[in-house]
Amino acid sequence: MLQMLKEAGLFGYMVVIVGVLSAGFSVWTWAVARKEASPRRRLVLGVAWVLGALLIFGLGVIGYLVGMKAVGQALAAASPDVRDALLAQGRSEASQNIVLGAIFCAVPALSGLLLLMSGRKKGPQTPA
């Protein structure tokens, strides 16, 4: 895991920090909201956590794009005989950002989906 984080670079660290904080807060939000929040509030919180999970994954994708840009710049200065190896290594390191984004967006996404499911109405409500 540490090697993956080293290869991912700055955006990898950002994904891990935001992902760990989001995982903790999303689980806490789910635990509190399922007992104390109204169905409408659970829906809003669920949407917020699903969007937060997409943000974490998006950080990973941005990290991949930034990494591939750096690989492209390195390829321009490299000799032709090492370009293929450099491209393969650079692509491997840059893709670690996407892997980290996918791993760390899972818990907030799951919490958000659970909140969405608990906030939806259970069929037609008839006044008594």
N, C-alpha and C. Protein backbone atom coordinates (compact mmCIF):
# COMPACT_ATOMS: atom_id res chain seq x y z
N MET A 1 0.82 -1.20 0.00
CA MET A 1 0.00 0.00 0.00
C MET A 1 0.87 1.26 0.00
N LEU A 2 1.97 1.24 0.75
CA LEU A 2 2.85 2.40 0.77
C LEU A 2 3.52 2.62 -0.58
N GLN A 3 3.87 1.52 -1.25
CA GLN A 3 4.46 1.65 -2.58
C GLN A 3 3.45 2.26 -3.55
N MET A 4 2.19 1.84 -3.43
CA MET A 4 1.14 2.39 -4.28
C MET A 4 1.00 3.89 -4.03
N LEU A 5 1.06 4.27 -2.78
CA LEU A 5 0.93 5.68 -2.42
C LEU A 5 2.12 6.50 -2.93
N LYS A 6 3.33 5.93 -2.86
CA LYS A 6 4.50 6.63 -3.39
C LYS A 6 4.39 6.82 -4.89
N GLU A 7 3.90 5.78 -5.58
CA GLU A 7 3.77 5.88 -7.03
C GLU A 7 2.68 6.87 -7.43
N ALA A 8 1.64 6.98 -6.63
CA ALA A 8 0.53 7.87 -6.97
C ALA A 8 0.91 9.34 -6.83
N GLY A 9 1.78 9.66 -5.91
CA GLY A 9 2.23 11.04 -5.76
C GLY A 9 1.27 11.89 -4.94
N LEU A 10 1.28 13.19 -5.18
CA LEU A 10 0.53 14.15 -4.39
C LEU A 10 -0.96 13.86 -4.40
N PHE A 11 -1.52 13.58 -5.56
CA PHE A 11 -2.96 13.32 -5.61
C PHE A 11 -3.32 12.04 -4.87
N GLY A 12 -2.43 11.08 -4.82
CA GLY A 12 -2.67 9.87 -4.04
C GLY A 12 -2.81 10.18 -2.57
N TYR A 13 -1.92 11.04 -2.06
CA TYR A 13 -2.02 11.46 -0.67
C TYR A 13 -3.32 12.21 -0.41
N MET A 14 -3.71 13.07 -1.36
CA MET A 14 -4.96 13.81 -1.19
C MET A 14 -6.15 12.86 -1.16
N VAL A 15 -6.16 11.87 -2.03
CA VAL A 15 -7.25 10.90 -2.05
C VAL A 15 -7.33 10.15 -0.73
N VAL A 16 -6.20 9.74 -0.19
CA VAL A 16 -6.19 9.00 1.07
C VAL A 16 -6.69 9.87 2.22
N ILE A 17 -6.21 11.09 2.31
CA ILE A 17 -6.62 11.97 3.41
C ILE A 17 -8.11 12.27 3.33
N VAL A 18 -8.58 12.70 2.16
CA VAL A 18 -10.00 13.01 2.00
C VAL A 18 -10.84 11.75 2.16
N GLY A 19 -10.36 10.62 1.66
CA GLY A 19 -11.11 9.37 1.76
C GLY A 19 -11.26 8.87 3.18
N VAL A 20 -10.19 8.94 3.96
CA VAL A 20 -10.26 8.48 5.36
C VAL A 20 -11.18 9.39 6.17
N LEU A 21 -11.04 10.70 6.00
CA LEU A 21 -11.93 11.61 6.71
C LEU A 21 -13.39 11.40 6.30
N SER A 22 -13.63 11.25 5.01
CA SER A 22 -14.99 11.05 4.52
C SER A 22 -15.57 9.73 5.00
N ALA A 23 -14.75 8.70 5.06
CA ALA A 23 -15.25 7.41 5.53
C ALA A 23 -15.72 7.52 6.98
N GLY A 24 -14.92 8.14 7.81
CA GLY A 24 -15.31 8.29 9.21
C GLY A 24 -16.56 9.13 9.38
N PHE A 25 -16.60 10.28 8.71
CA PHE A 25 -17.78 11.14 8.83
C PHE A 25 -19.02 10.52 8.21
N SER A 26 -18.86 9.80 7.13
CA SER A 26 -20.04 9.22 6.49
C SER A 26 -20.64 8.10 7.33
N VAL A 27 -19.81 7.29 7.96
CA VAL A 27 -20.33 6.24 8.83
C VAL A 27 -21.00 6.86 10.05
N TRP A 28 -20.39 7.88 10.61
CA TRP A 28 -21.00 8.57 11.76
C TRP A 28 -22.33 9.20 11.36
N THR A 29 -22.36 9.86 10.20
CA THR A 29 -23.60 10.48 9.72
C THR A 29 -24.69 9.44 9.52
N TRP A 30 -24.33 8.31 8.93
CA TRP A 30 -25.30 7.25 8.71
C TRP A 30 -25.84 6.72 10.04
N ALA A 31 -24.96 6.50 11.01
CA ALA A 31 -25.38 5.96 12.31
C ALA A 31 -26.32 6.92 13.03
N VAL A 32 -26.02 8.21 13.00
CA VAL A 32 -26.86 9.19 13.68
C VAL A 32 -28.15 9.43 12.90
N ALA A 33 -28.05 9.56 11.58
CA ALA A 33 -29.22 9.93 10.77
C ALA A 33 -30.26 8.83 10.70
N ARG A 34 -29.85 7.60 10.74
CA ARG A 34 -30.85 6.53 10.61
C ARG A 34 -31.76 6.46 11.83
N LYS A 35 -31.35 7.04 12.95
CA LYS A 35 -32.19 7.03 14.14
C LYS A 35 -32.87 8.37 14.38
N GLU A 36 -32.22 9.47 14.05
CA GLU A 36 -32.72 10.78 14.47
C GLU A 36 -33.20 11.68 13.34
N ALA A 37 -32.84 11.42 12.11
CA ALA A 37 -33.17 12.34 11.01
C ALA A 37 -34.47 11.93 10.32
N SER A 38 -35.13 12.92 9.76
CA SER A 38 -36.34 12.67 8.99
C SER A 38 -35.97 11.99 7.67
N PRO A 39 -36.94 11.35 7.03
CA PRO A 39 -36.63 10.71 5.73
C PRO A 39 -36.09 11.70 4.70
N ARG A 40 -36.62 12.91 4.69
CA ARG A 40 -36.13 13.91 3.73
C ARG A 40 -34.67 14.27 4.01
N ARG A 41 -34.33 14.44 5.27
CA ARG A 41 -32.95 14.77 5.63
C ARG A 41 -32.02 13.61 5.29
N ARG A 42 -32.48 12.36 5.46
CA ARG A 42 -31.65 11.22 5.09
C ARG A 42 -31.41 11.19 3.59
N LEU A 43 -32.42 11.56 2.81
CA LEU A 43 -32.23 11.64 1.35
C LEU A 43 -31.18 12.69 0.99
N VAL A 44 -31.27 13.85 1.60
CA VAL A 44 -30.30 14.92 1.32
C VAL A 44 -28.90 14.49 1.72
N LEU A 45 -28.76 13.89 2.90
CA LEU A 45 -27.45 13.42 3.33
C LEU A 45 -26.93 12.31 2.42
N GLY A 46 -27.81 11.43 1.98
CA GLY A 46 -27.41 10.36 1.07
C GLY A 46 -26.88 10.90 -0.24
N VAL A 47 -27.57 11.88 -0.79
CA VAL A 47 -27.11 12.49 -2.04
C VAL A 47 -25.75 13.17 -1.81
N ALA A 48 -25.62 13.85 -0.67
CA ALA A 48 -24.35 14.53 -0.38
C ALA A 48 -23.20 13.54 -0.29
N TRP A 49 -23.41 12.39 0.35
CA TRP A 49 -22.31 11.42 0.48
C TRP A 49 -22.02 10.71 -0.83
N VAL A 50 -23.02 10.48 -1.65
CA VAL A 50 -22.74 9.89 -2.96
C VAL A 50 -21.93 10.88 -3.82
N LEU A 51 -22.30 12.15 -3.75
CA LEU A 51 -21.52 13.16 -4.48
C LEU A 51 -20.11 13.29 -3.89
N GLY A 52 -19.99 13.16 -2.58
CA GLY A 52 -18.66 13.17 -1.96
C GLY A 52 -17.80 12.01 -2.43
N ALA A 53 -18.42 10.85 -2.58
CA ALA A 53 -17.69 9.68 -3.07
C ALA A 53 -17.24 9.92 -4.51
N LEU A 54 -18.09 10.54 -5.31
CA LEU A 54 -17.70 10.86 -6.68
C LEU A 54 -16.55 11.87 -6.70
N LEU A 55 -16.53 12.78 -5.75
CA LEU A 55 -15.44 13.74 -5.64
C LEU A 55 -14.13 13.03 -5.34
N ILE A 56 -14.17 12.07 -4.44
CA ILE A 56 -12.95 11.32 -4.10
C ILE A 56 -12.44 10.56 -5.32
N PHE A 57 -13.36 9.90 -6.03
CA PHE A 57 -12.95 9.19 -7.24
C PHE A 57 -12.43 10.17 -8.28
N GLY A 58 -13.07 11.34 -8.37
CA GLY A 58 -12.63 12.37 -9.31
C GLY A 58 -11.23 12.86 -9.01
N LEU A 59 -10.87 12.96 -7.72
CA LEU A 59 -9.50 13.32 -7.37
C LEU A 59 -8.51 12.29 -7.92
N GLY A 60 -8.90 11.02 -7.85
CA GLY A 60 -8.05 9.97 -8.40
C GLY A 60 -7.88 10.10 -9.91
N VAL A 61 -8.97 10.42 -10.59
CA VAL A 61 -8.91 10.58 -12.05
C VAL A 61 -8.06 11.79 -12.42
N ILE A 62 -8.22 12.88 -11.67
CA ILE A 62 -7.40 14.07 -11.93
C ILE A 62 -5.92 13.75 -11.69
N GLY A 63 -5.64 12.99 -10.64
CA GLY A 63 -4.27 12.57 -10.38
C GLY A 63 -3.70 11.75 -11.52
N TYR A 64 -4.54 10.88 -12.09
CA TYR A 64 -4.10 10.09 -13.25
C TYR A 64 -3.77 11.00 -14.43
N LEU A 65 -4.64 11.96 -14.69
CA LEU A 65 -4.41 12.86 -15.83
C LEU A 65 -3.15 13.70 -15.64
N VAL A 66 -2.96 14.20 -14.42
CA VAL A 66 -1.75 14.99 -14.14
C VAL A 66 -0.51 14.11 -14.29
N GLY A 67 -0.59 12.88 -13.80
CA GLY A 67 0.54 11.96 -13.93
C GLY A 67 0.85 11.63 -15.38
N MET A 68 -0.19 11.43 -16.19
CA MET A 68 0.04 11.12 -17.60
C MET A 68 0.60 12.33 -18.35
N LYS A 69 0.24 13.52 -17.91
CA LYS A 69 0.82 14.72 -18.52
C LYS A 69 2.32 14.77 -18.24
N ALA A 70 2.70 14.44 -17.00
CA ALA A 70 4.13 14.41 -16.66
C ALA A 70 4.86 13.31 -17.45
N VAL A 71 4.18 12.19 -17.67
CA VAL A 71 4.78 11.11 -18.46
C VAL A 71 4.99 11.59 -19.90
N GLY A 72 4.02 12.29 -20.43
CA GLY A 72 4.17 12.82 -21.79
C GLY A 72 5.33 13.79 -21.92
N GLN A 73 5.52 14.62 -20.91
CA GLN A 73 6.65 15.54 -20.93
C GLN A 73 7.98 14.80 -20.82
N ALA A 74 7.99 13.74 -20.02
CA ALA A 74 9.22 12.94 -19.90
C ALA A 74 9.51 12.19 -21.20
N LEU A 75 8.47 11.73 -21.88
CA LEU A 75 8.65 11.02 -23.15
C LEU A 75 9.25 11.93 -24.22
N ALA A 76 8.88 13.20 -24.18
CA ALA A 76 9.40 14.14 -25.18
C ALA A 76 10.91 14.31 -25.05
N ALA A 77 11.41 14.19 -23.83
CA ALA A 77 12.85 14.39 -23.61
C ALA A 77 13.64 13.08 -23.62
N ALA A 78 12.94 11.94 -23.69
CA ALA A 78 13.62 10.64 -23.60
C ALA A 78 14.11 10.17 -24.97
N SER A 79 15.10 9.33 -24.95
CA SER A 79 15.57 8.75 -26.21
C SER A 79 14.58 7.69 -26.69
N PRO A 80 14.50 7.46 -27.98
CA PRO A 80 13.50 6.54 -28.53
C PRO A 80 13.59 5.10 -28.03
N ASP A 81 14.77 4.66 -27.64
CA ASP A 81 14.89 3.27 -27.23
C ASP A 81 14.32 3.00 -25.83
N VAL A 82 14.07 4.01 -25.01
CA VAL A 82 13.51 3.79 -23.67
C VAL A 82 12.07 4.30 -23.53
N ARG A 83 11.51 4.81 -24.62
CA ARG A 83 10.18 5.40 -24.54
C ARG A 83 9.10 4.39 -24.15
N ASP A 84 9.17 3.19 -24.72
CA ASP A 84 8.14 2.20 -24.41
C ASP A 84 8.16 1.81 -22.93
N ALA A 85 9.35 1.58 -22.41
CA ALA A 85 9.46 1.22 -20.99
C ALA A 85 9.04 2.38 -20.09
N LEU A 86 9.42 3.58 -20.49
CA LEU A 86 9.05 4.76 -19.71
C LEU A 86 7.54 4.97 -19.71
N LEU A 87 6.91 4.78 -20.86
CA LEU A 87 5.46 4.92 -20.95
C LEU A 87 4.75 3.87 -20.10
N ALA A 88 5.21 2.64 -20.15
CA ALA A 88 4.58 1.58 -19.35
C ALA A 88 4.71 1.86 -17.86
N GLN A 89 5.90 2.26 -17.43
CA GLN A 89 6.12 2.56 -16.01
C GLN A 89 5.30 3.78 -15.58
N GLY A 90 5.28 4.81 -16.40
CA GLY A 90 4.53 6.02 -16.08
C GLY A 90 3.04 5.77 -16.01
N ARG A 91 2.52 4.98 -16.96
CA ARG A 91 1.10 4.64 -16.94
C ARG A 91 0.75 3.82 -15.70
N SER A 92 1.64 2.91 -15.33
CA SER A 92 1.42 2.09 -14.13
C SER A 92 1.36 2.96 -12.88
N GLU A 93 2.30 3.90 -12.76
CA GLU A 93 2.33 4.76 -11.58
C GLU A 93 1.14 5.72 -11.56
N ALA A 94 0.79 6.28 -12.70
CA ALA A 94 -0.33 7.22 -12.75
C ALA A 94 -1.66 6.53 -12.45
N SER A 95 -1.80 5.28 -12.87
CA SER A 95 -3.07 4.58 -12.65
C SER A 95 -3.30 4.23 -11.18
N GLN A 96 -2.26 4.32 -10.35
CA GLN A 96 -2.45 4.08 -8.92
C GLN A 96 -3.42 5.09 -8.31
N ASN A 97 -3.50 6.28 -8.90
CA ASN A 97 -4.45 7.29 -8.42
C ASN A 97 -5.89 6.82 -8.60
N ILE A 98 -6.18 6.21 -9.72
CA ILE A 98 -7.54 5.71 -9.96
C ILE A 98 -7.86 4.58 -9.01
N VAL A 99 -6.90 3.70 -8.78
CA VAL A 99 -7.12 2.59 -7.85
C VAL A 99 -7.39 3.12 -6.44
N LEU A 100 -6.59 4.07 -5.99
CA LEU A 100 -6.81 4.66 -4.66
C LEU A 100 -8.16 5.37 -4.58
N GLY A 101 -8.52 6.09 -5.64
CA GLY A 101 -9.83 6.76 -5.66
C GLY A 101 -10.97 5.77 -5.56
N ALA A 102 -10.86 4.66 -6.25
CA ALA A 102 -11.92 3.64 -6.20
C ALA A 102 -12.00 2.99 -4.82
N ILE A 103 -10.86 2.75 -4.20
CA ILE A 103 -10.85 2.13 -2.88
C ILE A 103 -11.46 3.07 -1.84
N PHE A 104 -11.02 4.32 -1.84
CA PHE A 104 -11.43 5.23 -0.77
C PHE A 104 -12.78 5.89 -1.01
N CYS A 105 -13.39 5.72 -2.16
CA CYS A 105 -14.74 6.25 -2.35
C CYS A 105 -15.80 5.22 -1.97
N ALA A 106 -15.40 4.00 -1.67
CA ALA A 106 -16.37 2.92 -1.42
C ALA A 106 -17.21 3.16 -0.17
N VAL A 107 -16.59 3.50 0.95
CA VAL A 107 -17.34 3.66 2.21
C VAL A 107 -18.30 4.85 2.15
N PRO A 108 -17.87 6.05 1.71
CA PRO A 108 -18.85 7.13 1.60
C PRO A 108 -19.97 6.82 0.61
N ALA A 109 -19.66 6.13 -0.47
CA ALA A 109 -20.71 5.77 -1.42
C ALA A 109 -21.70 4.80 -0.79
N LEU A 110 -21.21 3.82 -0.07
CA LEU A 110 -22.09 2.86 0.60
C LEU A 110 -22.94 3.55 1.66
N SER A 111 -22.35 4.43 2.45
CA SER A 111 -23.12 5.16 3.44
C SER A 111 -24.19 6.02 2.78
N GLY A 112 -23.82 6.68 1.69
CA GLY A 112 -24.80 7.49 0.97
C GLY A 112 -25.93 6.67 0.41
N LEU A 113 -25.62 5.51 -0.16
CA LEU A 113 -26.67 4.65 -0.71
C LEU A 113 -27.58 4.11 0.39
N LEU A 114 -27.01 3.77 1.53
CA LEU A 114 -27.83 3.31 2.65
C LEU A 114 -28.74 4.42 3.15
N LEU A 115 -28.24 5.64 3.21
CA LEU A 115 -29.09 6.77 3.60
C LEU A 115 -30.18 7.02 2.57
N LEU A 116 -29.84 6.90 1.30
CA LEU A 116 -30.86 7.08 0.26
C LEU A 116 -31.96 6.03 0.37
N MET A 117 -31.56 4.79 0.64
CA MET A 117 -32.56 3.73 0.75
C MET A 117 -33.43 3.91 2.00
N SER A 118 -32.83 4.37 3.08
CA SER A 118 -33.62 4.53 4.30
C SER A 118 -34.48 5.79 4.25
N GLY A 119 -34.17 6.72 3.36
CA GLY A 119 -34.94 7.95 3.27
C GLY A 119 -36.09 7.90 2.29
N ARG A 120 -36.15 6.90 1.47
CA ARG A 120 -37.24 6.85 0.49
C ARG A 120 -38.53 6.42 1.17
N LYS A 121 -39.63 6.82 0.58
CA LYS A 121 -40.93 6.52 1.16
C LYS A 121 -41.28 5.06 0.88
N LYS A 122 -42.04 4.48 1.75
CA LYS A 122 -42.38 3.08 1.68
C LYS A 122 -43.70 2.80 0.97
N GLY A 123 -44.02 3.56 -0.02
CA GLY A 123 -45.28 3.35 -0.73
C GLY A 123 -46.23 4.52 -0.48
N PRO A 124 -47.47 4.41 -0.98
CA PRO A 124 -48.40 5.54 -0.83
C PRO A 124 -48.78 5.72 0.64
N GLN A 125 -48.73 6.97 1.07
CA GLN A 125 -49.09 7.32 2.44
C GLN A 125 -50.50 7.88 2.42
N THR A 126 -51.41 7.27 3.13
CA THR A 126 -52.79 7.76 3.21
C THR A 126 -53.01 8.36 4.59
N PRO A 127 -53.60 9.53 4.63
CA PRO A 127 -53.84 10.15 5.94
C PRO A 127 -54.89 9.35 6.71
N ALA A 128 -54.71 9.25 7.99
CA ALA A 128 -55.62 8.47 8.81
C ALA A 128 -56.72 9.31 9.38
